[in-house]
Amino acid sequence: MSLTATEYKYIELDDKNVPIVQGTTMKVVELITSVKAYQLSPEELLEIYPHLTLSKIYSALAYYWDNKQELDADMQRRFEYAEKLRLEAGESPLAKKLRDRGLIK
């Protein structure tokens, strides 16, 4: 995989123009998903992702805010695709057993 530098010190674009945190395989949208889902601060993100540095986290956050519309659309597409796959897969055998036993709704 070849990576392309961006104007953000710690953000690179992969072959598909997906922003990646430099020196990792972490996509910027993965980091942002944690922020949106759990309202985590940069310091809390560092605790969860110790392989990153605070500088890389802030660079990813800056990249997100400067490209918010595009990245939000990408996250929405990913969610819709995952939801489509979930619906196509149907209920798992384990979930069916648990539901039949009244252990889940």
N, C-alpha and C. Protein backbone atom coordinates (compact mmCIF):
# COMPACT_ATOMS: atom_id res chain seq x y z
N MET A 1 0.85 -1.17 0.00
CA MET A 1 0.00 0.00 0.00
C MET A 1 0.89 1.24 0.00
N SER A 2 0.62 2.13 -0.91
CA SER A 2 1.38 3.38 -0.91
C SER A 2 0.56 4.45 -0.21
N LEU A 3 1.26 5.34 0.47
CA LEU A 3 0.61 6.41 1.22
C LEU A 3 1.05 7.75 0.67
N THR A 4 0.14 8.71 0.67
CA THR A 4 0.41 10.05 0.19
C THR A 4 0.34 11.02 1.36
N ALA A 5 1.33 11.86 1.47
CA ALA A 5 1.36 12.86 2.54
C ALA A 5 0.25 13.88 2.32
N THR A 6 -0.18 14.47 3.42
CA THR A 6 -1.17 15.56 3.37
C THR A 6 -0.54 16.77 4.03
N GLU A 7 -1.27 17.88 4.08
CA GLU A 7 -0.76 19.07 4.76
C GLU A 7 -0.82 18.91 6.28
N TYR A 8 -1.44 17.83 6.74
CA TYR A 8 -1.53 17.52 8.17
C TYR A 8 -0.35 16.62 8.51
N LYS A 9 0.44 17.05 9.47
CA LYS A 9 1.71 16.39 9.76
C LYS A 9 1.60 14.88 9.94
N TYR A 10 0.57 14.40 10.60
CA TYR A 10 0.48 12.98 10.93
C TYR A 10 -0.63 12.24 10.19
N ILE A 11 -1.12 12.80 9.11
CA ILE A 11 -2.20 12.16 8.36
C ILE A 11 -1.73 11.90 6.93
N GLU A 12 -1.97 10.66 6.49
CA GLU A 12 -1.62 10.26 5.13
C GLU A 12 -2.87 9.69 4.46
N LEU A 13 -2.89 9.69 3.14
CA LEU A 13 -3.98 9.10 2.39
C LEU A 13 -3.52 7.78 1.80
N ASP A 14 -4.35 6.74 1.92
CA ASP A 14 -3.98 5.45 1.34
C ASP A 14 -4.34 5.44 -0.15
N ASP A 15 -4.21 4.28 -0.78
CA ASP A 15 -4.47 4.15 -2.22
C ASP A 15 -5.89 4.55 -2.61
N LYS A 16 -6.83 4.46 -1.66
CA LYS A 16 -8.22 4.80 -1.93
C LYS A 16 -8.58 6.20 -1.41
N ASN A 17 -7.55 7.00 -1.08
CA ASN A 17 -7.71 8.35 -0.54
C ASN A 17 -8.40 8.38 0.82
N VAL A 18 -8.24 7.30 1.58
CA VAL A 18 -8.78 7.24 2.94
C VAL A 18 -7.71 7.78 3.88
N PRO A 19 -8.05 8.78 4.71
CA PRO A 19 -7.05 9.33 5.63
C PRO A 19 -6.71 8.35 6.75
N ILE A 20 -5.41 8.14 6.93
CA ILE A 20 -4.86 7.19 7.90
C ILE A 20 -3.92 7.96 8.83
N VAL A 21 -3.91 7.58 10.11
CA VAL A 21 -2.96 8.18 11.05
C VAL A 21 -1.58 7.59 10.74
N GLN A 22 -0.62 8.46 10.50
CA GLN A 22 0.73 8.07 10.09
C GLN A 22 1.34 7.03 11.05
N GLY A 23 1.95 6.00 10.45
CA GLY A 23 2.63 4.97 11.24
C GLY A 23 1.69 3.94 11.84
N THR A 24 0.40 4.00 11.47
CA THR A 24 -0.59 3.06 11.98
C THR A 24 -1.46 2.59 10.82
N THR A 25 -2.39 1.72 11.13
CA THR A 25 -3.41 1.34 10.15
C THR A 25 -4.76 1.98 10.51
N MET A 26 -4.75 2.88 11.49
CA MET A 26 -5.99 3.49 11.97
C MET A 26 -6.48 4.58 11.03
N LYS A 27 -7.73 4.43 10.61
CA LYS A 27 -8.37 5.44 9.78
C LYS A 27 -8.83 6.60 10.68
N VAL A 28 -8.81 7.79 10.14
CA VAL A 28 -9.29 8.96 10.88
C VAL A 28 -10.74 8.74 11.30
N VAL A 29 -11.55 8.14 10.42
CA VAL A 29 -12.97 7.94 10.77
C VAL A 29 -13.12 6.99 11.96
N GLU A 30 -12.20 6.06 12.15
CA GLU A 30 -12.27 5.16 13.31
C GLU A 30 -12.07 5.95 14.60
N LEU A 31 -11.14 6.86 14.58
CA LEU A 31 -10.89 7.69 15.75
C LEU A 31 -12.09 8.60 16.02
N ILE A 32 -12.62 9.19 14.97
CA ILE A 32 -13.76 10.10 15.10
C ILE A 32 -15.00 9.35 15.58
N THR A 33 -15.17 8.12 15.16
CA THR A 33 -16.29 7.31 15.63
C THR A 33 -16.24 7.17 17.15
N SER A 34 -15.05 6.99 17.70
CA SER A 34 -14.91 6.90 19.16
C SER A 34 -15.29 8.22 19.83
N VAL A 35 -14.92 9.32 19.20
CA VAL A 35 -15.26 10.64 19.75
C VAL A 35 -16.78 10.82 19.74
N LYS A 36 -17.41 10.50 18.62
CA LYS A 36 -18.85 10.70 18.49
C LYS A 36 -19.64 9.74 19.38
N ALA A 37 -19.22 8.50 19.46
CA ALA A 37 -19.97 7.50 20.22
C ALA A 37 -19.86 7.71 21.73
N TYR A 38 -18.68 8.11 22.18
CA TYR A 38 -18.43 8.16 23.63
C TYR A 38 -18.05 9.55 24.15
N GLN A 39 -18.07 10.57 23.28
CA GLN A 39 -17.71 11.93 23.66
C GLN A 39 -16.36 11.97 24.39
N LEU A 40 -15.37 11.30 23.81
CA LEU A 40 -14.04 11.22 24.43
C LEU A 40 -13.21 12.44 24.12
N SER A 41 -12.43 12.86 25.09
CA SER A 41 -11.48 13.95 24.90
C SER A 41 -10.22 13.39 24.25
N PRO A 42 -9.37 14.25 23.71
CA PRO A 42 -8.11 13.76 23.15
C PRO A 42 -7.28 12.95 24.16
N GLU A 43 -7.28 13.38 25.41
CA GLU A 43 -6.53 12.67 26.44
C GLU A 43 -7.12 11.28 26.69
N GLU A 44 -8.45 11.18 26.68
CA GLU A 44 -9.11 9.89 26.85
C GLU A 44 -8.84 8.98 25.65
N LEU A 45 -8.81 9.57 24.46
CA LEU A 45 -8.47 8.78 23.27
C LEU A 45 -7.07 8.20 23.40
N LEU A 46 -6.16 8.97 23.95
CA LEU A 46 -4.78 8.51 24.14
C LEU A 46 -4.73 7.30 25.07
N GLU A 47 -5.58 7.30 26.10
CA GLU A 47 -5.63 6.16 27.01
C GLU A 47 -6.14 4.91 26.30
N ILE A 48 -7.11 5.08 25.42
CA ILE A 48 -7.70 3.96 24.70
C ILE A 48 -6.79 3.49 23.56
N TYR A 49 -6.11 4.42 22.93
CA TYR A 49 -5.24 4.11 21.79
C TYR A 49 -3.81 4.51 22.12
N PRO A 50 -3.15 3.77 23.01
CA PRO A 50 -1.80 4.16 23.46
C PRO A 50 -0.74 4.09 22.36
N HIS A 51 -1.06 3.45 21.23
CA HIS A 51 -0.11 3.42 20.12
C HIS A 51 -0.07 4.75 19.37
N LEU A 52 -1.01 5.66 19.67
CA LEU A 52 -1.01 6.99 19.08
C LEU A 52 -0.29 7.96 20.02
N THR A 53 -0.03 9.14 19.53
CA THR A 53 0.48 10.22 20.37
C THR A 53 -0.59 11.30 20.40
N LEU A 54 -0.50 12.18 21.37
CA LEU A 54 -1.45 13.28 21.44
C LEU A 54 -1.36 14.15 20.18
N SER A 55 -0.17 14.31 19.66
CA SER A 55 0.00 15.09 18.44
C SER A 55 -0.74 14.45 17.27
N LYS A 56 -0.67 13.13 17.15
CA LYS A 56 -1.37 12.43 16.07
C LYS A 56 -2.88 12.53 16.25
N ILE A 57 -3.33 12.45 17.48
CA ILE A 57 -4.77 12.57 17.74
C ILE A 57 -5.27 13.96 17.36
N TYR A 58 -4.55 14.99 17.78
CA TYR A 58 -4.96 16.36 17.43
C TYR A 58 -4.90 16.58 15.92
N SER A 59 -3.93 16.00 15.26
CA SER A 59 -3.83 16.14 13.81
C SER A 59 -5.03 15.47 13.13
N ALA A 60 -5.43 14.30 13.63
CA ALA A 60 -6.60 13.60 13.09
C ALA A 60 -7.87 14.41 13.34
N LEU A 61 -7.98 14.99 14.52
CA LEU A 61 -9.15 15.82 14.83
C LEU A 61 -9.19 17.05 13.92
N ALA A 62 -8.06 17.68 13.71
CA ALA A 62 -8.00 18.85 12.82
C ALA A 62 -8.39 18.44 11.40
N TYR A 63 -7.88 17.30 10.95
CA TYR A 63 -8.22 16.82 9.61
C TYR A 63 -9.73 16.61 9.50
N TYR A 64 -10.31 15.99 10.53
CA TYR A 64 -11.76 15.76 10.53
C TYR A 64 -12.52 17.08 10.42
N TRP A 65 -12.20 18.05 11.27
CA TRP A 65 -12.97 19.30 11.27
C TRP A 65 -12.80 20.07 9.98
N ASP A 66 -11.64 19.94 9.35
CA ASP A 66 -11.43 20.62 8.07
C ASP A 66 -12.07 19.88 6.90
N ASN A 67 -12.44 18.62 7.11
CA ASN A 67 -13.05 17.79 6.05
C ASN A 67 -14.32 17.12 6.56
N LYS A 68 -15.02 17.79 7.46
CA LYS A 68 -16.15 17.22 8.19
C LYS A 68 -17.25 16.67 7.27
N GLN A 69 -17.65 17.44 6.31
CA GLN A 69 -18.75 17.02 5.43
C GLN A 69 -18.41 15.73 4.70
N GLU A 70 -17.23 15.66 4.15
CA GLU A 70 -16.79 14.48 3.40
C GLU A 70 -16.67 13.25 4.33
N LEU A 71 -16.08 13.43 5.50
CA LEU A 71 -15.89 12.31 6.42
C LEU A 71 -17.21 11.88 7.05
N ASP A 72 -18.10 12.82 7.35
CA ASP A 72 -19.42 12.45 7.87
C ASP A 72 -20.18 11.63 6.84
N ALA A 73 -20.09 12.02 5.57
CA ALA A 73 -20.75 11.26 4.50
C ALA A 73 -20.15 9.86 4.40
N ASP A 74 -18.83 9.75 4.54
CA ASP A 74 -18.17 8.45 4.50
C ASP A 74 -18.64 7.57 5.67
N MET A 75 -18.73 8.15 6.85
CA MET A 75 -19.20 7.38 8.01
C MET A 75 -20.65 6.94 7.83
N GLN A 76 -21.47 7.79 7.24
CA GLN A 76 -22.87 7.43 6.98
C GLN A 76 -22.95 6.28 5.98
N ARG A 77 -22.13 6.33 4.92
CA ARG A 77 -22.10 5.24 3.94
C ARG A 77 -21.68 3.93 4.61
N ARG A 78 -20.67 4.00 5.47
CA ARG A 78 -20.21 2.79 6.18
C ARG A 78 -21.32 2.23 7.07
N PHE A 79 -22.02 3.12 7.79
CA PHE A 79 -23.11 2.68 8.65
C PHE A 79 -24.21 2.01 7.83
N GLU A 80 -24.60 2.64 6.73
CA GLU A 80 -25.67 2.08 5.89
C GLU A 80 -25.27 0.73 5.31
N TYR A 81 -24.01 0.58 4.92
CA TYR A 81 -23.53 -0.69 4.39
C TYR A 81 -23.57 -1.77 5.48
N ALA A 82 -23.11 -1.44 6.68
CA ALA A 82 -23.12 -2.40 7.80
C ALA A 82 -24.56 -2.78 8.14
N GLU A 83 -25.45 -1.81 8.14
CA GLU A 83 -26.86 -2.08 8.44
C GLU A 83 -27.47 -2.99 7.38
N LYS A 84 -27.15 -2.75 6.13
CA LYS A 84 -27.63 -3.59 5.02
C LYS A 84 -27.16 -5.03 5.22
N LEU A 85 -25.89 -5.21 5.55
CA LEU A 85 -25.36 -6.56 5.77
C LEU A 85 -26.02 -7.22 6.97
N ARG A 86 -26.26 -6.44 8.02
CA ARG A 86 -26.91 -6.98 9.22
C ARG A 86 -28.32 -7.47 8.88
N LEU A 87 -29.06 -6.68 8.13
CA LEU A 87 -30.42 -7.07 7.77
C LEU A 87 -30.43 -8.28 6.85
N GLU A 88 -29.48 -8.34 5.90
CA GLU A 88 -29.38 -9.48 4.99
C GLU A 88 -29.02 -10.76 5.73
N ALA A 89 -28.20 -10.64 6.76
CA ALA A 89 -27.76 -11.83 7.51
C ALA A 89 -28.89 -12.40 8.37
N GLY A 90 -29.80 -11.56 8.79
CA GLY A 90 -30.90 -12.03 9.62
C GLY A 90 -30.44 -12.34 11.04
N GLU A 91 -31.34 -12.91 11.80
CA GLU A 91 -31.05 -13.21 13.20
C GLU A 91 -30.09 -14.39 13.32
N SER A 92 -29.14 -14.26 14.22
CA SER A 92 -28.18 -15.34 14.42
C SER A 92 -28.85 -16.48 15.18
N PRO A 93 -28.36 -17.70 15.02
CA PRO A 93 -28.92 -18.83 15.77
C PRO A 93 -28.86 -18.61 17.29
N LEU A 94 -27.79 -18.03 17.78
CA LEU A 94 -27.67 -17.77 19.21
C LEU A 94 -28.74 -16.78 19.67
N ALA A 95 -28.91 -15.70 18.93
CA ALA A 95 -29.93 -14.71 19.29
C ALA A 95 -31.31 -15.34 19.27
N LYS A 96 -31.58 -16.20 18.30
CA LYS A 96 -32.88 -16.87 18.22
C LYS A 96 -33.11 -17.73 19.46
N LYS A 97 -32.10 -18.51 19.86
CA LYS A 97 -32.22 -19.34 21.06
C LYS A 97 -32.49 -18.49 22.30
N LEU A 98 -31.72 -17.43 22.46
CA LEU A 98 -31.90 -16.56 23.62
C LEU A 98 -33.28 -15.90 23.62
N ARG A 99 -33.74 -15.50 22.43
CA ARG A 99 -35.05 -14.87 22.32
C ARG A 99 -36.15 -15.90 22.65
N ASP A 100 -36.01 -17.12 22.12
CA ASP A 100 -36.99 -18.17 22.39
C ASP A 100 -37.06 -18.50 23.88
N ARG A 101 -35.96 -18.36 24.59
CA ARG A 101 -35.94 -18.63 26.03
C ARG A 101 -36.33 -17.40 26.85
N GLY A 102 -36.61 -16.29 26.17
CA GLY A 102 -37.03 -15.08 26.86
C GLY A 102 -35.87 -14.35 27.55
N LEU A 103 -34.65 -14.66 27.14
CA LEU A 103 -33.49 -14.03 27.78
C LEU A 103 -33.12 -12.69 27.15
N ILE A 104 -33.59 -12.46 25.93
CA ILE A 104 -33.43 -11.16 25.27
C ILE A 104 -34.73 -10.81 24.58
N LYS A 105 -34.88 -9.54 24.28
CA LYS A 105 -36.10 -9.10 23.58
C LYS A 105 -35.89 -9.14 22.09
